[in-house]
Amino acid sequence: MDSISVNKFRDNLKSVVENVINQHEPVKVTRRSGEDFVVISAEDWEREQESLYVLQNKGLTQQISESIETHAQGKGRQATDGELNEILGL
């Protein structure tokens, strides 16, 4: 994660924010007082929150683990052509 001073952030606000959104890379903004903060796009924030939810849900992580095992063994459920078309929007 890149880091910039609060003064540089303020002087280049528009370009920093555009870069954060387009590159999907957060930026750490440092302050002399030591109270730093991070700028992250809303899309990336939501993705991080979803990941945290999954990781904190033991039942869900167990289901994912079991699904990975059955997939590796070729025993997983196979979607029908109709289901695949619906998923892919065809």
PDB file of N, CA and C in Angstrom:
ATOM      1  N   MET A   1       0.854  -1.170   0.000  1.00  0.00           N
ATOM      2  CA  MET A   1       0.000   0.000   0.000  1.00  0.00           C
ATOM      3  C   MET A   1       0.895   1.227   0.000  1.00  0.00           C
ATOM      4  N   ASP A   2       0.606   2.127  -0.922  1.00  0.00           N
ATOM      5  CA  ASP A   2       1.347   3.378  -0.993  1.00  0.00           C
ATOM      6  C   ASP A   2       0.995   4.254   0.196  1.00  0.00           C
ATOM      7  N   SER A   3       1.904   5.137   0.544  1.00  0.00           N
ATOM      8  CA  SER A   3       1.712   6.045   1.664  1.00  0.00           C
ATOM      9  C   SER A   3       2.107   7.455   1.226  1.00  0.00           C
ATOM     10  N   ILE A   4       1.262   8.441   1.573  1.00  0.00           N
ATOM     11  CA  ILE A   4       1.572   9.834   1.258  1.00  0.00           C
ATOM     12  C   ILE A   4       1.236  10.704   2.462  1.00  0.00           C
ATOM     13  N   SER A   5       1.832  11.875   2.487  1.00  0.00           N
ATOM     14  CA  SER A   5       1.544  12.807   3.577  1.00  0.00           C
ATOM     15  C   SER A   5       0.172  13.439   3.371  1.00  0.00           C
ATOM     16  N   VAL A   6      -0.402  13.923   4.441  1.00  0.00           N
ATOM     17  CA  VAL A   6      -1.719  14.551   4.359  1.00  0.00           C
ATOM     18  C   VAL A   6      -1.661  15.803   3.477  1.00  0.00           C
ATOM     19  N   ASN A   7      -0.535  16.514   3.492  1.00  0.00           N
ATOM     20  CA  ASN A   7      -0.394  17.698   2.642  1.00  0.00           C
ATOM     21  C   ASN A   7      -0.395  17.327   1.166  1.00  0.00           C
ATOM     22  N   LYS A   8       0.342  16.272   0.817  1.00  0.00           N
ATOM     23  CA  LYS A   8       0.369  15.823  -0.575  1.00  0.00           C
ATOM     24  C   LYS A   8      -1.011  15.295  -0.972  1.00  0.00           C
ATOM     25  N   PHE A   9      -1.674  14.617  -0.059  1.00  0.00           N
ATOM     26  CA  PHE A   9      -3.029  14.119  -0.322  1.00  0.00           C
ATOM     27  C   PHE A   9      -3.972  15.280  -0.611  1.00  0.00           C
ATOM     28  N   ARG A  10      -3.918  16.299   0.220  1.00  0.00           N
ATOM     29  CA  ARG A  10      -4.792  17.466   0.050  1.00  0.00           C
ATOM     30  C   ARG A  10      -4.507  18.166  -1.284  1.00  0.00           C
ATOM     31  N   ASP A  11      -3.227  18.324  -1.629  1.00  0.00           N
ATOM     32  CA  ASP A  11      -2.852  19.012  -2.864  1.00  0.00           C
ATOM     33  C   ASP A  11      -3.227  18.226  -4.115  1.00  0.00           C
ATOM     34  N   ASN A  12      -3.312  16.910  -3.994  1.00  0.00           N
ATOM     35  CA  ASN A  12      -3.577  16.049  -5.155  1.00  0.00           C
ATOM     36  C   ASN A  12      -4.820  15.192  -4.943  1.00  0.00           C
ATOM     37  N   LEU A  13      -5.790  15.708  -4.221  1.00  0.00           N
ATOM     38  CA  LEU A  13      -6.966  14.946  -3.823  1.00  0.00           C
ATOM     39  C   LEU A  13      -7.637  14.235  -4.994  1.00  0.00           C
ATOM     40  N   LYS A  14      -7.951  14.977  -6.037  1.00  0.00           N
ATOM     41  CA  LYS A  14      -8.678  14.393  -7.167  1.00  0.00           C
ATOM     42  C   LYS A  14      -7.900  13.243  -7.795  1.00  0.00           C
ATOM     43  N   SER A  15      -6.628  13.435  -8.077  1.00  0.00           N
ATOM     44  CA  SER A  15      -5.857  12.386  -8.746  1.00  0.00           C
ATOM     45  C   SER A  15      -5.630  11.183  -7.827  1.00  0.00           C
ATOM     46  N   VAL A  16      -5.440  11.423  -6.539  1.00  0.00           N
ATOM     47  CA  VAL A  16      -5.255  10.310  -5.599  1.00  0.00           C
ATOM     48  C   VAL A  16      -6.528   9.474  -5.532  1.00  0.00           C
ATOM     49  N   VAL A  17      -7.674  10.143  -5.408  1.00  0.00           N
ATOM     50  CA  VAL A  17      -8.943   9.425  -5.323  1.00  0.00           C
ATOM     51  C   VAL A  17      -9.214   8.663  -6.613  1.00  0.00           C
ATOM     52  N   GLU A  18      -8.976   9.277  -7.748  1.00  0.00           N
ATOM     53  CA  GLU A  18      -9.168   8.594  -9.027  1.00  0.00           C
ATOM     54  C   GLU A  18      -8.289   7.349  -9.116  1.00  0.00           C
ATOM     55  N   ASN A  19      -7.061   7.452  -8.664  1.00  0.00           N
ATOM     56  CA  ASN A  19      -6.149   6.316  -8.698  1.00  0.00           C
ATOM     57  C   ASN A  19      -6.610   5.204  -7.767  1.00  0.00           C
ATOM     58  N   VAL A  20      -7.075   5.570  -6.580  1.00  0.00           N
ATOM     59  CA  VAL A  20      -7.581   4.580  -5.628  1.00  0.00           C
ATOM     60  C   VAL A  20      -8.755   3.819  -6.238  1.00  0.00           C
ATOM     61  N   ILE A  21      -9.657   4.533  -6.888  1.00  0.00           N
ATOM     62  CA  ILE A  21     -10.836   3.906  -7.487  1.00  0.00           C
ATOM     63  C   ILE A  21     -10.449   3.056  -8.692  1.00  0.00           C
ATOM     64  N   ASN A  22      -9.644   3.583  -9.588  1.00  0.00           N
ATOM     65  CA  ASN A  22      -9.313   2.882 -10.832  1.00  0.00           C
ATOM     66  C   ASN A  22      -8.337   1.728 -10.643  1.00  0.00           C
ATOM     67  N   GLN A  23      -7.384   1.881  -9.735  1.00  0.00           N
ATOM     68  CA  GLN A  23      -6.367   0.846  -9.534  1.00  0.00           C
ATOM     69  C   GLN A  23      -6.742  -0.157  -8.450  1.00  0.00           C
ATOM     70  N   HIS A  24      -7.811   0.131  -7.701  1.00  0.00           N
ATOM     71  CA  HIS A  24      -8.241  -0.736  -6.591  1.00  0.00           C
ATOM     72  C   HIS A  24      -7.110  -0.956  -5.591  1.00  0.00           C
ATOM     73  N   GLU A  25      -6.377   0.112  -5.327  1.00  0.00           N
ATOM     74  CA  GLU A  25      -5.289   0.076  -4.351  1.00  0.00           C
ATOM     75  C   GLU A  25      -5.517   1.171  -3.316  1.00  0.00           C
ATOM     76  N   PRO A  26      -5.673   0.813  -2.054  1.00  0.00           N
ATOM     77  CA  PRO A  26      -5.849   1.841  -1.028  1.00  0.00           C
ATOM     78  C   PRO A  26      -4.567   2.652  -0.838  1.00  0.00           C
ATOM     79  N   VAL A  27      -4.722   3.819  -0.261  1.00  0.00           N
ATOM     80  CA  VAL A  27      -3.583   4.694   0.022  1.00  0.00           C
ATOM     81  C   VAL A  27      -3.613   5.065   1.504  1.00  0.00           C
ATOM     82  N   LYS A  28      -2.475   4.930   2.155  1.00  0.00           N
ATOM     83  CA  LYS A  28      -2.344   5.331   3.558  1.00  0.00           C
ATOM     84  C   LYS A  28      -1.900   6.788   3.587  1.00  0.00           C
ATOM     85  N   VAL A  29      -2.660   7.607   4.298  1.00  0.00           N
ATOM     86  CA  VAL A  29      -2.335   9.027   4.418  1.00  0.00           C
ATOM     87  C   VAL A  29      -1.781   9.250   5.811  1.00  0.00           C
ATOM     88  N   THR A  30      -0.558   9.777   5.867  1.00  0.00           N
ATOM     89  CA  THR A  30       0.119   9.964   7.148  1.00  0.00           C
ATOM     90  C   THR A  30       0.020  11.415   7.605  1.00  0.00           C
ATOM     91  N   ARG A  31      -0.097  11.570   8.899  1.00  0.00           N
ATOM     92  CA  ARG A  31      -0.163  12.901   9.509  1.00  0.00           C
ATOM     93  C   ARG A  31       0.952  13.034  10.531  1.00  0.00           C
ATOM     94  N   ARG A  32       1.393  14.246  10.732  1.00  0.00           N
ATOM     95  CA  ARG A  32       2.467  14.486  11.708  1.00  0.00           C
ATOM     96  C   ARG A  32       2.073  14.042  13.104  1.00  0.00           C
ATOM     97  N   SER A  33       0.779  14.147  13.423  1.00  0.00           N
ATOM     98  CA  SER A  33       0.302  13.782  14.752  1.00  0.00           C
ATOM     99  C   SER A  33       0.327  12.269  14.974  1.00  0.00           C
ATOM    100  N   GLY A  34       0.577  11.516  13.910  1.00  0.00           N
ATOM    101  CA  GLY A  34       0.631  10.066  14.036  1.00  0.00           C
ATOM    102  C   GLY A  34      -0.702   9.390  13.817  1.00  0.00           C
ATOM    103  N   GLU A  35      -1.757  10.143  13.632  1.00  0.00           N
ATOM    104  CA  GLU A  35      -3.085   9.588  13.383  1.00  0.00           C
ATOM    105  C   GLU A  35      -3.272   9.404  11.878  1.00  0.00           C
ATOM    106  N   ASP A  36      -2.839   8.273  11.344  1.00  0.00           N
ATOM    107  CA  ASP A  36      -2.929   8.004   9.919  1.00  0.00           C
ATOM    108  C   ASP A  36      -4.331   7.520   9.571  1.00  0.00           C
ATOM    109  N   PHE A  37      -4.673   7.579   8.276  1.00  0.00           N
ATOM    110  CA  PHE A  37      -5.925   7.022   7.804  1.00  0.00           C
ATOM    111  C   PHE A  37      -5.722   6.436   6.422  1.00  0.00           C
ATOM    112  N   VAL A  38      -6.685   5.630   5.989  1.00  0.00           N
ATOM    113  CA  VAL A  38      -6.587   4.934   4.717  1.00  0.00           C
ATOM    114  C   VAL A  38      -7.751   5.364   3.829  1.00  0.00           C
ATOM    115  N   VAL A  39      -7.445   5.606   2.558  1.00  0.00           N
ATOM    116  CA  VAL A  39      -8.463   5.919   1.562  1.00  0.00           C
ATOM    117  C   VAL A  39      -8.640   4.664   0.710  1.00  0.00           C
ATOM    118  N   ILE A  40      -9.900   4.203   0.635  1.00  0.00           N
ATOM    119  CA  ILE A  40     -10.221   2.991  -0.116  1.00  0.00           C
ATOM    120  C   ILE A  40     -11.527   3.225  -0.862  1.00  0.00           C
ATOM    121  N   SER A  41     -11.675   2.650  -2.041  1.00  0.00           N
ATOM    122  CA  SER A  41     -12.908   2.837  -2.809  1.00  0.00           C
ATOM    123  C   SER A  41     -14.058   2.121  -2.101  1.00  0.00           C
ATOM    124  N   ALA A  42     -15.273   2.598  -2.332  1.00  0.00           N
ATOM    125  CA  ALA A  42     -16.455   1.985  -1.730  1.00  0.00           C
ATOM    126  C   ALA A  42     -16.597   0.537  -2.193  1.00  0.00           C
ATOM    127  N   GLU A  43     -16.322   0.285  -3.465  1.00  0.00           N
ATOM    128  CA  GLU A  43     -16.411  -1.084  -3.995  1.00  0.00           C
ATOM    129  C   GLU A  43     -15.447  -2.015  -3.268  1.00  0.00           C
ATOM    130  N   ASP A  44     -14.211  -1.566  -3.074  1.00  0.00           N
ATOM    131  CA  ASP A  44     -13.225  -2.390  -2.380  1.00  0.00           C
ATOM    132  C   ASP A  44     -13.595  -2.566  -0.915  1.00  0.00           C
ATOM    133  N   TRP A  45     -14.138  -1.533  -0.292  1.00  0.00           N
ATOM    134  CA  TRP A  45     -14.567  -1.615   1.110  1.00  0.00           C
ATOM    135  C   TRP A  45     -15.654  -2.689   1.258  1.00  0.00           C
ATOM    136  N   GLU A  46     -16.636  -2.660   0.369  1.00  0.00           N
ATOM    137  CA  GLU A  46     -17.718  -3.637   0.431  1.00  0.00           C
ATOM    138  C   GLU A  46     -17.181  -5.053   0.230  1.00  0.00           C
ATOM    139  N   ARG A  47     -16.246  -5.214  -0.696  1.00  0.00           N
ATOM    140  CA  ARG A  47     -15.637  -6.521  -0.927  1.00  0.00           C
ATOM    141  C   ARG A  47     -14.905  -7.008   0.323  1.00  0.00           C
ATOM    142  N   GLU A  48     -14.184  -6.115   0.975  1.00  0.00           N
ATOM    143  CA  GLU A  48     -13.477  -6.480   2.207  1.00  0.00           C
ATOM    144  C   GLU A  48     -14.455  -6.889   3.304  1.00  0.00           C
ATOM    145  N   GLN A  49     -15.558  -6.160   3.422  1.00  0.00           N
ATOM    146  CA  GLN A  49     -16.558  -6.481   4.434  1.00  0.00           C
ATOM    147  C   GLN A  49     -17.179  -7.850   4.173  1.00  0.00           C
ATOM    148  N   GLU A  50     -17.454  -8.164   2.906  1.00  0.00           N
ATOM    149  CA  GLU A  50     -17.992  -9.479   2.553  1.00  0.00           C
ATOM    150  C   GLU A  50     -16.995 -10.576   2.912  1.00  0.00           C
ATOM    151  N   SER A  51     -15.719 -10.349   2.622  1.00  0.00           N
ATOM    152  CA  SER A  51     -14.687 -11.336   2.943  1.00  0.00           C
ATOM    153  C   SER A  51     -14.607 -11.562   4.446  1.00  0.00           C
ATOM    154  N   LEU A  52     -14.652 -10.485   5.216  1.00  0.00           N
ATOM    155  CA  LEU A  52     -14.619 -10.618   6.672  1.00  0.00           C
ATOM    156  C   LEU A  52     -15.819 -11.397   7.185  1.00  0.00           C
ATOM    157  N   TYR A  53     -16.990 -11.142   6.608  1.00  0.00           N
ATOM    158  CA  TYR A  53     -18.191 -11.864   7.017  1.00  0.00           C
ATOM    159  C   TYR A  53     -18.017 -13.360   6.780  1.00  0.00           C
ATOM    160  N   VAL A  54     -17.531 -13.722   5.594  1.00  0.00           N
ATOM    161  CA  VAL A  54     -17.345 -15.134   5.270  1.00  0.00           C
ATOM    162  C   VAL A  54     -16.331 -15.761   6.224  1.00  0.00           C
ATOM    163  N   LEU A  55     -15.219 -15.084   6.454  1.00  0.00           N
ATOM    164  CA  LEU A  55     -14.170 -15.634   7.306  1.00  0.00           C
ATOM    165  C   LEU A  55     -14.612 -15.778   8.764  1.00  0.00           C
ATOM    166  N   GLN A  56     -15.542 -14.945   9.209  1.00  0.00           N
ATOM    167  CA  GLN A  56     -16.019 -15.008  10.591  1.00  0.00           C
ATOM    168  C   GLN A  56     -17.169 -15.995  10.770  1.00  0.00           C
ATOM    169  N   ASN A  57     -17.728 -16.498   9.672  1.00  0.00           N
ATOM    170  CA  ASN A  57     -18.859 -17.415   9.724  1.00  0.00           C
ATOM    171  C   ASN A  57     -18.332 -18.841   9.586  1.00  0.00           C
ATOM    172  N   LYS A  58     -18.214 -19.552  10.714  1.00  0.00           N
ATOM    173  CA  LYS A  58     -17.619 -20.895  10.697  1.00  0.00           C
ATOM    174  C   LYS A  58     -18.411 -21.874   9.837  1.00  0.00           C
ATOM    175  N   GLY A  59     -19.731 -21.777   9.874  1.00  0.00           N
ATOM    176  CA  GLY A  59     -20.545 -22.682   9.062  1.00  0.00           C
ATOM    177  C   GLY A  59     -20.302 -22.482   7.587  1.00  0.00           C
ATOM    178  N   LEU A  60     -20.209 -21.225   7.192  1.00  0.00           N
ATOM    179  CA  LEU A  60     -19.974 -20.911   5.781  1.00  0.00           C
ATOM    180  C   LEU A  60     -18.580 -21.337   5.335  1.00  0.00           C
ATOM    181  N   THR A  61     -17.570 -21.106   6.164  1.00  0.00           N
ATOM    182  CA  THR A  61     -16.213 -21.529   5.793  1.00  0.00           C
ATOM    183  C   THR A  61     -16.127 -23.048   5.730  1.00  0.00           C
ATOM    184  N   GLN A  62     -16.882 -23.753   6.579  1.00  0.00           N
ATOM    185  CA  GLN A  62     -16.910 -25.216   6.525  1.00  0.00           C
ATOM    186  C   GLN A  62     -17.536 -25.683   5.212  1.00  0.00           C
ATOM    187  N   GLN A  63     -18.626 -25.031   4.793  1.00  0.00           N
ATOM    188  CA  GLN A  63     -19.267 -25.379   3.521  1.00  0.00           C
ATOM    189  C   GLN A  63     -18.308 -25.160   2.350  1.00  0.00           C
ATOM    190  N   ILE A  64     -17.586 -24.054   2.386  1.00  0.00           N
ATOM    191  CA  ILE A  64     -16.625 -23.759   1.313  1.00  0.00           C
ATOM    192  C   ILE A  64     -15.530 -24.811   1.286  1.00  0.00           C
ATOM    193  N   SER A  65     -15.022 -25.175   2.448  1.00  0.00           N
ATOM    194  CA  SER A  65     -13.969 -26.186   2.534  1.00  0.00           C
ATOM    195  C   SER A  65     -14.446 -27.525   1.993  1.00  0.00           C
ATOM    196  N   GLU A  66     -15.658 -27.917   2.384  1.00  0.00           N
ATOM    197  CA  GLU A  66     -16.212 -29.180   1.882  1.00  0.00           C
ATOM    198  C   GLU A  66     -16.437 -29.121   0.373  1.00  0.00           C
ATOM    199  N   SER A  67     -16.870 -27.990  -0.128  1.00  0.00           N
ATOM    200  CA  SER A  67     -17.100 -27.834  -1.560  1.00  0.00           C
ATOM    201  C   SER A  67     -15.785 -27.947  -2.334  1.00  0.00           C
ATOM    202  N   ILE A  68     -14.736 -27.374  -1.806  1.00  0.00           N
ATOM    203  CA  ILE A  68     -13.425 -27.463  -2.458  1.00  0.00           C
ATOM    204  C   ILE A  68     -12.976 -28.919  -2.528  1.00  0.00           C
ATOM    205  N   GLU A  69     -13.190 -29.653  -1.437  1.00  0.00           N
ATOM    206  CA  GLU A  69     -12.800 -31.073  -1.409  1.00  0.00           C
ATOM    207  C   GLU A  69     -13.596 -31.891  -2.426  1.00  0.00           C
ATOM    208  N   THR A  70     -14.912 -31.719  -2.450  1.00  0.00           N
ATOM    209  CA  THR A  70     -15.717 -32.508  -3.394  1.00  0.00           C
ATOM    210  C   THR A  70     -15.404 -32.123  -4.838  1.00  0.00           C
ATOM    211  N   HIS A  71     -15.112 -30.853  -5.078  1.00  0.00           N
ATOM    212  CA  HIS A  71     -14.739 -30.420  -6.434  1.00  0.00           C
ATOM    213  C   HIS A  71     -13.435 -31.095  -6.864  1.00  0.00           C
ATOM    214  N   ALA A  72     -12.453 -31.106  -5.954  1.00  0.00           N
ATOM    215  CA  ALA A  72     -11.153 -31.709  -6.268  1.00  0.00           C
ATOM    216  C   ALA A  72     -11.297 -33.200  -6.561  1.00  0.00           C
ATOM    217  N   GLN A  73     -12.278 -33.842  -5.931  1.00  0.00           N
ATOM    218  CA  GLN A  73     -12.503 -35.274  -6.131  1.00  0.00           C
ATOM    219  C   GLN A  73     -13.451 -35.549  -7.299  1.00  0.00           C
ATOM    220  N   GLY A  74     -13.939 -34.488  -7.929  1.00  0.00           N
ATOM    221  CA  GLY A  74     -14.861 -34.659  -9.045  1.00  0.00           C
ATOM    222  C   GLY A  74     -16.249 -35.103  -8.621  1.00  0.00           C
ATOM    223  N   LYS A  75     -16.590 -34.893  -7.351  1.00  0.00           N
ATOM    224  CA  LYS A  75     -17.872 -35.345  -6.818  1.00  0.00           C
ATOM    225  C   LYS A  75     -18.866 -34.203  -6.629  1.00  0.00           C
ATOM    226  N   GLY A  76     -18.477 -33.025  -7.004  1.00  0.00           N
ATOM    227  CA  GLY A  76     -19.352 -31.869  -6.795  1.00  0.00           C
ATOM    228  C   GLY A  76     -20.562 -31.890  -7.710  1.00  0.00           C
ATOM    229  N   ARG A  77     -21.556 -31.111  -7.372  1.00  0.00           N
ATOM    230  CA  ARG A  77     -22.779 -31.016  -8.161  1.00  0.00           C
ATOM    231  C   ARG A  77     -22.474 -30.285  -9.463  1.00  0.00           C
ATOM    232  N   GLN A  78     -22.977 -30.817 -10.547  1.00  0.00           N
ATOM    233  CA  GLN A  78     -22.782 -30.204 -11.851  1.00  0.00           C
ATOM    234  C   GLN A  78     -24.024 -29.398 -12.220  1.00  0.00           C
ATOM    235  N   ALA A  79     -23.839 -28.153 -12.566  1.00  0.00           N
ATOM    236  CA  ALA A  79     -24.960 -27.309 -12.979  1.00  0.00           C
ATOM    237  C   ALA A  79     -25.460 -27.762 -14.340  1.00  0.00           C
ATOM    238  N   THR A  80     -26.760 -27.625 -14.530  1.00  0.00           N
ATOM    239  CA  THR A  80     -27.348 -27.952 -15.833  1.00  0.00           C
ATOM    240  C   THR A  80     -27.013 -26.833 -16.819  1.00  0.00           C
ATOM    241  N   ASP A  81     -27.224 -27.101 -18.099  1.00  0.00           N
ATOM    242  CA  ASP A  81     -26.988 -26.070 -19.119  1.00  0.00           C
ATOM    243  C   ASP A  81     -27.869 -24.862 -18.852  1.00  0.00           C
ATOM    244  N   GLY A  82     -29.100 -25.088 -18.452  1.00  0.00           N
ATOM    245  CA  GLY A  82     -30.012 -23.985 -18.146  1.00  0.00           C
ATOM    246  C   GLY A  82     -29.519 -23.146 -16.984  1.00  0.00           C
ATOM    247  N   GLU A  83     -29.017 -23.796 -15.963  1.00  0.00           N
ATOM    248  CA  GLU A  83     -28.473 -23.073 -14.788  1.00  0.00           C
ATOM    249  C   GLU A  83     -27.245 -22.259 -15.176  1.00  0.00           C
ATOM    250  N   LEU A  84     -26.375 -22.862 -15.986  1.00  0.00           N
ATOM    251  CA  LEU A  84     -25.185 -22.138 -16.434  1.00  0.00           C
ATOM    252  C   LEU A  84     -25.562 -20.926 -17.271  1.00  0.00           C
ATOM    253  N   ASN A  85     -26.538 -21.097 -18.165  1.00  0.00           N
ATOM    254  CA  ASN A  85     -26.987 -19.974 -18.982  1.00  0.00           C
ATOM    255  C   ASN A  85     -27.549 -18.855 -18.115  1.00  0.00           C
ATOM    256  N   GLU A  86     -28.292 -19.227 -17.066  1.00  0.00           N
ATOM    257  CA  GLU A  86     -28.854 -18.206 -16.163  1.00  0.00           C
ATOM    258  C   GLU A  86     -27.754 -17.482 -15.413  1.00  0.00           C
ATOM    259  N   ILE A  87     -26.771 -18.221 -14.941  1.00  0.00           N
ATOM    260  CA  ILE A  87     -25.646 -17.620 -14.219  1.00  0.00           C
ATOM    261  C   ILE A  87     -24.874 -16.669 -15.127  1.00  0.00           C
ATOM    262  N   LEU A  88     -24.649 -17.093 -16.351  1.00  0.00           N
ATOM    263  CA  LEU A  88     -23.857 -16.306 -17.302  1.00  0.00           C
ATOM    264  C   LEU A  88     -24.678 -15.252 -18.026  1.00  0.00           C
ATOM    265  N   GLY A  89     -25.992 -15.251 -17.794  1.00  0.00           N
ATOM    266  CA  GLY A  89     -26.848 -14.251 -18.417  1.00  0.00           C
ATOM    267  C   GLY A  89     -27.061 -14.481 -19.894  1.00  0.00           C
ATOM    268  N   LEU A  90     -27.030 -15.729 -20.302  1.00  0.00           N
ATOM    269  CA  LEU A  90     -27.220 -16.057 -21.736  1.00  0.00           C
ATOM    270  C   LEU A  90     -28.673 -16.346 -22.029  1.00  0.00           C
TER     271      LEU A  90
END
